[in-house]
């Protein structure tokens, strides 16, 4: 389980341009990990999901990985 990285590092806003942070919430196949695995609160999980989806749309993260 990934410890709550956002709380530990005092990150208030999740930015879609912070690709290295977002990669920690995506599994090797490119799918977004669930709350139980990430340890995020519901509000943080929604923010991470939105940022990942925006990063994918902008071409910063792949939709799927082989």
PDB file of N, CA and C in Angstrom:
ATOM      1  N   UNK A   1       0.845  -1.181   0.000  1.00  0.00           N
ATOM      2  CA  UNK A   1       0.000   0.000   0.000  1.00  0.00           C
ATOM      3  C   UNK A   1       0.890   1.245   0.000  1.00  0.00           C
ATOM      4  N   UNK A   2       0.546   2.160  -0.835  1.00  0.00           N
ATOM      5  CA  UNK A   2       1.273   3.423  -0.888  1.00  0.00           C
ATOM      6  C   UNK A   2       0.781   4.291   0.267  1.00  0.00           C
ATOM      7  N   UNK A   3       1.698   4.772   1.090  1.00  0.00           N
ATOM      8  CA  UNK A   3       1.296   5.680   2.164  1.00  0.00           C
ATOM      9  C   UNK A   3       0.744   6.956   1.530  1.00  0.00           C
ATOM     10  N   UNK A   4      -0.061   7.667   2.270  1.00  0.00           N
ATOM     11  CA  UNK A   4      -0.691   8.867   1.728  1.00  0.00           C
ATOM     12  C   UNK A   4       0.384   9.911   1.413  1.00  0.00           C
ATOM     13  N   UNK A   5       0.846   9.877   0.200  1.00  0.00           N
ATOM     14  CA  UNK A   5       1.941  10.724  -0.267  1.00  0.00           C
ATOM     15  C   UNK A   5       1.556  12.198  -0.216  1.00  0.00           C
ATOM     16  N   UNK A   6       0.306  12.483  -0.516  1.00  0.00           N
ATOM     17  CA  UNK A   6      -0.129  13.880  -0.554  1.00  0.00           C
ATOM     18  C   UNK A   6      -0.077  14.509   0.832  1.00  0.00           C
ATOM     19  N   UNK A   7      -0.507  13.781   1.843  1.00  0.00           N
ATOM     20  CA  UNK A   7      -0.496  14.314   3.206  1.00  0.00           C
ATOM     21  C   UNK A   7       0.924  14.391   3.748  1.00  0.00           C
ATOM     22  N   UNK A   8       1.740  13.373   3.480  1.00  0.00           N
ATOM     23  CA  UNK A   8       3.110  13.349   3.983  1.00  0.00           C
ATOM     24  C   UNK A   8       3.935  14.505   3.435  1.00  0.00           C
ATOM     25  N   UNK A   9       3.749  14.823   2.163  1.00  0.00           N
ATOM     26  CA  UNK A   9       4.529  15.887   1.534  1.00  0.00           C
ATOM     27  C   UNK A   9       3.815  17.229   1.554  1.00  0.00           C
ATOM     28  N   UNK A  10       2.687  17.305   2.251  1.00  0.00           N
ATOM     29  CA  UNK A  10       1.912  18.536   2.395  1.00  0.00           C
ATOM     30  C   UNK A  10       1.557  19.145   1.038  1.00  0.00           C
ATOM     31  N   UNK A  11       1.036  18.303   0.144  1.00  0.00           N
ATOM     32  CA  UNK A  11       0.611  18.756  -1.182  1.00  0.00           C
ATOM     33  C   UNK A  11      -0.864  19.110  -1.097  1.00  0.00           C
ATOM     34  N   UNK A  12      -1.187  20.374  -1.329  1.00  0.00           N
ATOM     35  CA  UNK A  12      -2.564  20.846  -1.222  1.00  0.00           C
ATOM     36  C   UNK A  12      -3.343  20.634  -2.522  1.00  0.00           C
ATOM     37  N   UNK A  13      -2.693  20.885  -3.657  1.00  0.00           N
ATOM     38  CA  UNK A  13      -3.348  20.742  -4.954  1.00  0.00           C
ATOM     39  C   UNK A  13      -2.565  19.764  -5.810  1.00  0.00           C
ATOM     40  N   UNK A  14      -3.273  18.903  -6.496  1.00  0.00           N
ATOM     41  CA  UNK A  14      -2.644  17.955  -7.409  1.00  0.00           C
ATOM     42  C   UNK A  14      -2.673  18.579  -8.792  1.00  0.00           C
ATOM     43  N   UNK A  15      -1.508  18.720  -9.401  1.00  0.00           N
ATOM     44  CA  UNK A  15      -1.405  19.370 -10.703  1.00  0.00           C
ATOM     45  C   UNK A  15      -1.197  18.316 -11.776  1.00  0.00           C
ATOM     46  N   UNK A  16      -1.898  18.455 -12.910  1.00  0.00           N
ATOM     47  CA  UNK A  16      -1.770  17.474 -13.978  1.00  0.00           C
ATOM     48  C   UNK A  16      -0.382  17.492 -14.623  1.00  0.00           C
ATOM     49  N   UNK A  17       0.373  18.573 -14.424  1.00  0.00           N
ATOM     50  CA  UNK A  17       1.713  18.672 -15.018  1.00  0.00           C
ATOM     51  C   UNK A  17       2.776  17.953 -14.187  1.00  0.00           C
ATOM     52  N   UNK A  18       2.436  17.555 -12.963  1.00  0.00           N
ATOM     53  CA  UNK A  18       3.370  16.843 -12.094  1.00  0.00           C
ATOM     54  C   UNK A  18       3.273  15.345 -12.398  1.00  0.00           C
ATOM     55  N   UNK A  19       3.870  14.945 -13.506  1.00  0.00           N
ATOM     56  CA  UNK A  19       3.739  13.584 -14.017  1.00  0.00           C
ATOM     57  C   UNK A  19       4.386  12.569 -13.080  1.00  0.00           C
ATOM     58  N   UNK A  20       5.492  12.905 -12.464  1.00  0.00           N
ATOM     59  CA  UNK A  20       6.169  11.961 -11.575  1.00  0.00           C
ATOM     60  C   UNK A  20       5.290  11.610 -10.367  1.00  0.00           C
ATOM     61  N   UNK A  21       4.562  12.560  -9.847  1.00  0.00           N
ATOM     62  CA  UNK A  21       3.646  12.284  -8.741  1.00  0.00           C
ATOM     63  C   UNK A  21       2.486  11.413  -9.220  1.00  0.00           C
ATOM     64  N   UNK A  22       1.942  11.736 -10.374  1.00  0.00           N
ATOM     65  CA  UNK A  22       0.782  11.005 -10.880  1.00  0.00           C
ATOM     66  C   UNK A  22       1.124   9.565 -11.241  1.00  0.00           C
ATOM     67  N   UNK A  23       2.346   9.303 -11.671  1.00  0.00           N
ATOM     68  CA  UNK A  23       2.756   7.936 -12.019  1.00  0.00           C
ATOM     69  C   UNK A  23       2.688   7.001 -10.818  1.00  0.00           C
ATOM     70  N   UNK A  24       2.763   7.536  -9.620  1.00  0.00           N
ATOM     71  CA  UNK A  24       2.702   6.709  -8.418  1.00  0.00           C
ATOM     72  C   UNK A  24       1.287   6.185  -8.171  1.00  0.00           C
ATOM     73  N   UNK A  25       0.291   6.771  -8.809  1.00  0.00           N
ATOM     74  CA  UNK A  25      -1.093   6.363  -8.613  1.00  0.00           C
ATOM     75  C   UNK A  25      -1.635   5.561  -9.794  1.00  0.00           C
ATOM     76  N   UNK A  26      -0.748   5.155 -10.701  1.00  0.00           N
ATOM     77  CA  UNK A  26      -1.139   4.382 -11.871  1.00  0.00           C
ATOM     78  C   UNK A  26      -0.405   3.048 -11.811  1.00  0.00           C
ATOM     79  N   UNK A  27      -1.130   1.940 -12.090  1.00  0.00           N
ATOM     80  CA  UNK A  27      -0.474   0.637 -12.041  1.00  0.00           C
ATOM     81  C   UNK A  27       0.338   0.399 -13.319  1.00  0.00           C
ATOM     82  N   UNK A  28       1.102  -0.693 -13.401  1.00  0.00           N
ATOM     83  CA  UNK A  28       1.962  -0.922 -14.580  1.00  0.00           C
ATOM     84  C   UNK A  28       1.204  -1.015 -15.903  1.00  0.00           C
ATOM     85  N   UNK A  29      -0.080  -1.322 -15.853  1.00  0.00           N
ATOM     86  CA  UNK A  29      -0.871  -1.404 -17.075  1.00  0.00           C
ATOM     87  C   UNK A  29      -1.469  -0.060 -17.475  1.00  0.00           C
ATOM     88  N   UNK A  30      -1.299   0.957 -16.634  1.00  0.00           N
ATOM     89  CA  UNK A  30      -1.798   2.286 -16.950  1.00  0.00           C
ATOM     90  C   UNK A  30      -3.149   2.609 -16.342  1.00  0.00           C
ATOM     91  N   UNK A  31      -3.659   1.726 -15.482  1.00  0.00           N
ATOM     92  CA  UNK A  31      -4.961   1.971 -14.854  1.00  0.00           C
ATOM     93  C   UNK A  31      -4.780   2.729 -13.538  1.00  0.00           C
ATOM     94  N   UNK A  32      -5.768   3.548 -13.198  1.00  0.00           N
ATOM     95  CA  UNK A  32      -5.738   4.314 -11.952  1.00  0.00           C
ATOM     96  C   UNK A  32      -6.007   3.370 -10.788  1.00  0.00           C
ATOM     97  N   UNK A  33      -5.168   3.446  -9.766  1.00  0.00           N
ATOM     98  CA  UNK A  33      -5.332   2.583  -8.608  1.00  0.00           C
ATOM     99  C   UNK A  33      -6.464   3.100  -7.717  1.00  0.00           C
ATOM    100  N   UNK A  34      -7.087   2.195  -6.994  1.00  0.00           N
ATOM    101  CA  UNK A  34      -8.210   2.530  -6.131  1.00  0.00           C
ATOM    102  C   UNK A  34      -7.757   3.132  -4.809  1.00  0.00           C
ATOM    103  N   UNK A  35      -8.731   3.602  -4.054  1.00  0.00           N
ATOM    104  CA  UNK A  35      -8.449   4.255  -2.765  1.00  0.00           C
ATOM    105  C   UNK A  35      -7.841   3.314  -1.751  1.00  0.00           C
ATOM    106  N   UNK A  36      -8.258   2.067  -1.749  1.00  0.00           N
ATOM    107  CA  UNK A  36      -7.713   1.117  -0.780  1.00  0.00           C
ATOM    108  C   UNK A  36      -6.223   0.908  -1.002  1.00  0.00           C
ATOM    109  N   UNK A  37      -5.816   0.899  -2.235  1.00  0.00           N
ATOM    110  CA  UNK A  37      -4.405   0.687  -2.551  1.00  0.00           C
ATOM    111  C   UNK A  37      -3.587   1.957  -2.309  1.00  0.00           C
ATOM    112  N   UNK A  38      -4.145   3.128  -2.653  1.00  0.00           N
ATOM    113  CA  UNK A  38      -3.388   4.373  -2.535  1.00  0.00           C
ATOM    114  C   UNK A  38      -3.427   4.962  -1.137  1.00  0.00           C
ATOM    115  N   UNK A  39      -4.492   4.683  -0.383  1.00  0.00           N
ATOM    116  CA  UNK A  39      -4.610   5.226   0.963  1.00  0.00           C
ATOM    117  C   UNK A  39      -5.040   6.683   0.999  1.00  0.00           C
ATOM    118  N   UNK A  40      -5.611   7.167  -0.098  1.00  0.00           N
ATOM    119  CA  UNK A  40      -6.049   8.559  -0.162  1.00  0.00           C
ATOM    120  C   UNK A  40      -7.453   8.716   0.389  1.00  0.00           C
ATOM    121  N   UNK A  41      -7.787   9.940   0.758  1.00  0.00           N
ATOM    122  CA  UNK A  41      -9.164  10.238   1.129  1.00  0.00           C
ATOM    123  C   UNK A  41      -9.975  10.349  -0.160  1.00  0.00           C
ATOM    124  N   UNK A  42     -11.289  10.374  -0.034  1.00  0.00           N
ATOM    125  CA  UNK A  42     -12.151  10.447  -1.212  1.00  0.00           C
ATOM    126  C   UNK A  42     -11.894  11.736  -2.001  1.00  0.00           C
ATOM    127  N   UNK A  43     -11.725  12.825  -1.285  1.00  0.00           N
ATOM    128  CA  UNK A  43     -11.480  14.120  -1.942  1.00  0.00           C
ATOM    129  C   UNK A  43     -10.148  14.108  -2.688  1.00  0.00           C
ATOM    130  N   UNK A  44      -9.120  13.548  -2.054  1.00  0.00           N
ATOM    131  CA  UNK A  44      -7.810  13.462  -2.697  1.00  0.00           C
ATOM    132  C   UNK A  44      -7.857  12.522  -3.897  1.00  0.00           C
ATOM    133  N   UNK A  45      -8.589  11.415  -3.769  1.00  0.00           N
ATOM    134  CA  UNK A  45      -8.684  10.459  -4.875  1.00  0.00           C
ATOM    135  C   UNK A  45      -9.353  11.098  -6.088  1.00  0.00           C
ATOM    136  N   UNK A  46     -10.406  11.872  -5.858  1.00  0.00           N
ATOM    137  CA  UNK A  46     -11.069  12.548  -6.980  1.00  0.00           C
ATOM    138  C   UNK A  46     -10.129  13.532  -7.661  1.00  0.00           C
ATOM    139  N   UNK A  47      -9.339  14.246  -6.871  1.00  0.00           N
ATOM    140  CA  UNK A  47      -8.393  15.211  -7.438  1.00  0.00           C
ATOM    141  C   UNK A  47      -7.307  14.498  -8.250  1.00  0.00           C
ATOM    142  N   UNK A  48      -6.823  13.375  -7.739  1.00  0.00           N
ATOM    143  CA  UNK A  48      -5.795  12.608  -8.450  1.00  0.00           C
ATOM    144  C   UNK A  48      -6.362  12.046  -9.751  1.00  0.00           C
ATOM    145  N   UNK A  49      -7.578  11.499  -9.696  1.00  0.00           N
ATOM    146  CA  UNK A  49      -8.197  10.954 -10.902  1.00  0.00           C
ATOM    147  C   UNK A  49      -8.379  12.027 -11.967  1.00  0.00           C
ATOM    148  N   UNK A  50      -8.837  13.192 -11.552  1.00  0.00           N
ATOM    149  CA  UNK A  50      -9.038  14.288 -12.505  1.00  0.00           C
ATOM    150  C   UNK A  50      -7.708  14.722 -13.116  1.00  0.00           C
ATOM    151  N   UNK A  51      -6.670  14.803 -12.295  1.00  0.00           N
ATOM    152  CA  UNK A  51      -5.355  15.209 -12.794  1.00  0.00           C
ATOM    153  C   UNK A  51      -4.786  14.168 -13.757  1.00  0.00           C
ATOM    154  N   UNK A  52      -4.975  12.889 -13.460  1.00  0.00           N
ATOM    155  CA  UNK A  52      -4.485  11.836 -14.349  1.00  0.00           C
ATOM    156  C   UNK A  52      -5.214  11.895 -15.684  1.00  0.00           C
ATOM    157  N   UNK A  53      -6.514  12.083 -15.635  1.00  0.00           N
ATOM    158  CA  UNK A  53      -7.291  12.157 -16.876  1.00  0.00           C
ATOM    159  C   UNK A  53      -6.892  13.368 -17.710  1.00  0.00           C
ATOM    160  N   UNK A  54      -6.624  14.495 -17.066  1.00  0.00           N
ATOM    161  CA  UNK A  54      -6.173  15.680 -17.804  1.00  0.00           C
ATOM    162  C   UNK A  54      -4.790  15.456 -18.396  1.00  0.00           C
ATOM    163  N   UNK A  55      -3.910  14.827 -17.625  1.00  0.00           N
ATOM    164  CA  UNK A  55      -2.557  14.554 -18.122  1.00  0.00           C
ATOM    165  C   UNK A  55      -2.605  13.604 -19.312  1.00  0.00           C
ATOM    166  N   UNK A  56      -3.497  12.631 -19.276  1.00  0.00           N
ATOM    167  CA  UNK A  56      -3.653  11.722 -20.415  1.00  0.00           C
ATOM    168  C   UNK A  56      -4.143  12.490 -21.638  1.00  0.00           C
ATOM    169  N   UNK A  57      -5.124  13.342 -21.452  1.00  0.00           N
ATOM    170  CA  UNK A  57      -5.684  14.115 -22.556  1.00  0.00           C
ATOM    171  C   UNK A  57      -4.632  15.029 -23.178  1.00  0.00           C
ATOM    172  N   UNK A  58      -3.773  15.601 -22.339  1.00  0.00           N
ATOM    173  CA  UNK A  58      -2.734  16.508 -22.825  1.00  0.00           C
ATOM    174  C   UNK A  58      -1.532  15.746 -23.402  1.00  0.00           C
ATOM    175  N   UNK A  59      -1.521  14.430 -23.247  1.00  0.00           N
ATOM    176  CA  UNK A  59      -0.434  13.627 -23.815  1.00  0.00           C
ATOM    177  C   UNK A  59       0.762  13.469 -22.893  1.00  0.00           C
ATOM    178  N   UNK A  60       0.611  13.798 -21.613  1.00  0.00           N
ATOM    179  CA  UNK A  60       1.717  13.685 -20.677  1.00  0.00           C
ATOM    180  C   UNK A  60       1.816  12.277 -20.091  1.00  0.00           C
ATOM    181  N   UNK A  61       0.687  11.575 -20.001  1.00  0.00           N
ATOM    182  CA  UNK A  61       0.641  10.195 -19.532  1.00  0.00           C
ATOM    183  C   UNK A  61      -0.029   9.346 -20.613  1.00  0.00           C
ATOM    184  N   UNK A  62       0.402   8.101 -20.749  1.00  0.00           N
ATOM    185  CA  UNK A  62      -0.265   7.237 -21.726  1.00  0.00           C
ATOM    186  C   UNK A  62      -1.593   6.710 -21.176  1.00  0.00           C
ATOM    187  N   UNK A  63      -2.513   6.389 -22.072  1.00  0.00           N
ATOM    188  CA  UNK A  63      -3.780   5.798 -21.653  1.00  0.00           C
ATOM    189  C   UNK A  63      -3.567   4.353 -21.208  1.00  0.00           C
ATOM    190  N   UNK A  64      -2.765   3.603 -21.963  1.00  0.00           N
ATOM    191  CA  UNK A  64      -2.437   2.225 -21.608  1.00  0.00           C
ATOM    192  C   UNK A  64      -0.952   2.009 -21.796  1.00  0.00           C
ATOM    193  N   UNK A  65      -0.431   1.034 -21.065  1.00  0.00           N
ATOM    194  CA  UNK A  65       0.982   0.678 -21.188  1.00  0.00           C
ATOM    195  C   UNK A  65       1.060  -0.813 -21.440  1.00  0.00           C
ATOM    196  N   UNK A  66       2.004  -1.221 -22.257  1.00  0.00           N
ATOM    197  CA  UNK A  66       2.126  -2.646 -22.558  1.00  0.00           C
ATOM    198  C   UNK A  66       3.201  -3.273 -21.719  1.00  0.00           C
TER     199      UNK A  66
END
